[in-house]
Each structure stands twice: as C-alpha cells, then as structure tokens.
C-alpha atoms as a PDB file:
ATOM      1  CA  MET A   1     123.126  76.454  90.351  1.00  0.00           C
ATOM      2  CA  PHE A   2     120.124  78.289  88.932  1.00  0.00           C
ATOM      3  CA  GLU A   3     116.832  77.249  87.414  1.00  0.00           C
ATOM      4  CA  TYR A   4     115.595  79.488  84.567  1.00  0.00           C
ATOM      5  CA  LYS A   5     112.057  80.308  83.494  1.00  0.00           C
ATOM      6  CA  SER A   6     111.153  82.231  80.327  1.00  0.00           C
ATOM      7  CA  GLU A   7     107.745  83.641  79.519  1.00  0.00           C
ATOM      8  CA  ILE A   8     106.238  85.190  76.419  1.00  0.00           C
ATOM      9  CA  LEU A   9     104.284  88.383  76.872  1.00  0.00           C
ATOM     10  CA  ASP A  10     102.289  89.656  73.888  1.00  0.00           C
ATOM     11  CA  THR A  11     102.037  93.436  73.648  1.00  0.00           C
ATOM     12  CA  ILE A  12     100.710  96.043  71.284  1.00  0.00           C
ATOM     13  CA  ILE A  13     103.936  98.045  71.480  1.00  0.00           C
ATOM     14  CA  LYS A  14     104.901  98.916  67.920  1.00  0.00           C
ATOM     15  CA  TYR A  15     108.390 100.113  67.055  1.00  0.00           C
ATOM     16  CA  GLY A  16     109.294 101.535  63.702  1.00  0.00           C
ATOM     17  CA  VAL A  17     108.439 104.782  61.970  1.00  0.00           C
ATOM     18  CA  LYS A  18     106.003 105.729  64.732  1.00  0.00           C
ATOM     19  CA  ASP A  19     107.422 104.344  67.990  1.00  0.00           C
ATOM     20  CA  SER A  20     104.816 103.888  70.661  1.00  0.00           C
ATOM     21  CA  ALA A  21     104.124 102.181  73.955  1.00  0.00           C
ATOM     22  CA  ASN A  22     101.067 102.538  76.095  1.00  0.00           C
ATOM     23  CA  ASP A  23     100.261 102.421  79.794  1.00  0.00           C
ATOM     24  CA  ILE A  24      98.422  99.109  79.432  1.00  0.00           C
ATOM     25  CA  ASP A  25     101.486  97.312  78.048  1.00  0.00           C
ATOM     26  CA  ILE A  26     103.766  98.878  80.650  1.00  0.00           C
ATOM     27  CA  ALA A  27     101.386  97.757  83.399  1.00  0.00           C
ATOM     28  CA  LYS A  28     101.356  94.185  81.988  1.00  0.00           C
ATOM     29  CA  ILE A  29     105.164  94.068  82.021  1.00  0.00           C
ATOM     30  CA  ASP A  30     105.370  95.485  85.560  1.00  0.00           C
ATOM     31  CA  GLU A  31     102.678  93.085  86.776  1.00  0.00           C
ATOM     32  CA  LEU A  32     104.509  90.038  85.412  1.00  0.00           C
ATOM     33  CA  ILE A  33     107.895  91.085  86.817  1.00  0.00           C
ATOM     34  CA  ASN A  34     106.441  91.949  90.232  1.00  0.00           C
ATOM     35  CA  LYS A  35     104.465  88.708  90.380  1.00  0.00           C
ATOM     36  CA  ARG A  36     107.489  86.555  89.561  1.00  0.00           C
ATOM     37  CA  THR A  37     109.780  88.364  92.003  1.00  0.00           C
ATOM     38  CA  GLN A  38     107.221  87.814  94.770  1.00  0.00           C
ATOM     39  CA  GLU A  39     107.382  84.100  93.908  1.00  0.00           C
ATOM     40  CA  GLY A  40     111.164  84.141  94.391  1.00  0.00           C
ATOM     41  CA  TRP A  41     112.239  84.560  90.772  1.00  0.00           C
ATOM     42  CA  GLU A  42     114.887  87.123  89.844  1.00  0.00           C
ATOM     43  CA  PHE A  43     114.513  89.106  86.610  1.00  0.00           C
ATOM     44  CA  VAL A  44     117.419  88.283  84.276  1.00  0.00           C
ATOM     45  CA  THR A  45     116.776  89.680  80.811  1.00  0.00           C
ATOM     46  CA  TYR A  46     114.267  90.320  78.083  1.00  0.00           C
ATOM     47  CA  SER A  47     114.211  90.166  74.291  1.00  0.00           C
ATOM     48  CA  PHE A  48     111.878  92.170  72.104  1.00  0.00           C
ATOM     49  CA  ILE A  49     110.568  90.203  69.125  1.00  0.00           C
ATOM     50  CA  SER A  50     109.080  92.464  66.482  1.00  0.00           C
ATOM     51  CA  ASN A  51     106.177  91.355  64.301  1.00  0.00           C
ATOM     52  CA  THR A  52     106.319  93.695  61.334  1.00  0.00           C
ATOM     53  CA  LEU A  53     103.194  92.265  59.698  1.00  0.00           C
ATOM     54  CA  GLY A  54     100.807  92.181  62.645  1.00  0.00           C
ATOM     55  CA  PRO A  55      99.474  94.499  65.332  1.00  0.00           C
ATOM     56  CA  ARG A  56     101.199  92.684  68.214  1.00  0.00           C
ATOM     57  CA  ASN A  57     104.781  92.186  69.229  1.00  0.00           C
ATOM     58  CA  THR A  58     106.249  89.800  71.762  1.00  0.00           C
ATOM     59  CA  ILE A  59     108.586  90.219  74.695  1.00  0.00           C
ATOM     60  CA  LEU A  60     110.449  87.139  75.922  1.00  0.00           C
ATOM     61  CA  ILE A  61     111.205  87.665  79.631  1.00  0.00           C
ATOM     62  CA  THR A  62     113.594  85.405  81.534  1.00  0.00           C
ATOM     63  CA  PHE A  63     113.768  84.887  85.288  1.00  0.00           C
ATOM     64  CA  ARG A  64     115.967  82.696  87.478  1.00  0.00           C
ATOM     65  CA  GLN A  65     116.041  81.310  91.001  1.00  0.00           C
ATOM     66  CA  GLU A  66     118.464  79.163  92.914  1.00  0.00           C
ATOM     67  CA  LYS A  67     117.713  75.464  92.924  1.00  0.00           C
END
C-alpha cells in the first residue's frame, strides 16, 4: 500500500510558438525531486498545466512512499 503526495510547482516555462525553458526552472524542478527523494518519497509522474493567458505555468508533481 502506498501513500501519495502531489505538489504544485509554478514555473515560467512557456510552451507554444516560442518554446522555452530556463535553468532557473530546471533547477527548481530538480531541487524539489531531490528533496522529496531524500525524504523517502519516490517520483511517480508529473502533469504540465499550461496557462495561455499568463506568464506562468504549473507543473503538478506526484510522489509516493510505502505506508
């Protein structure tokens, strides 16, 4: 049996006509994943949620660990 934990990470990654990602966003993602794995959580999946009207997008990241 697993316990799941999902977190929202806001980024400035913009996908569309001019796809882009920057080192700051990549570092934020790596930092969150590394921090959670050190706490015993296993990375499961992510979902990218695009905000076409604003400057920020969201990544929903899900982790799990055995109960």
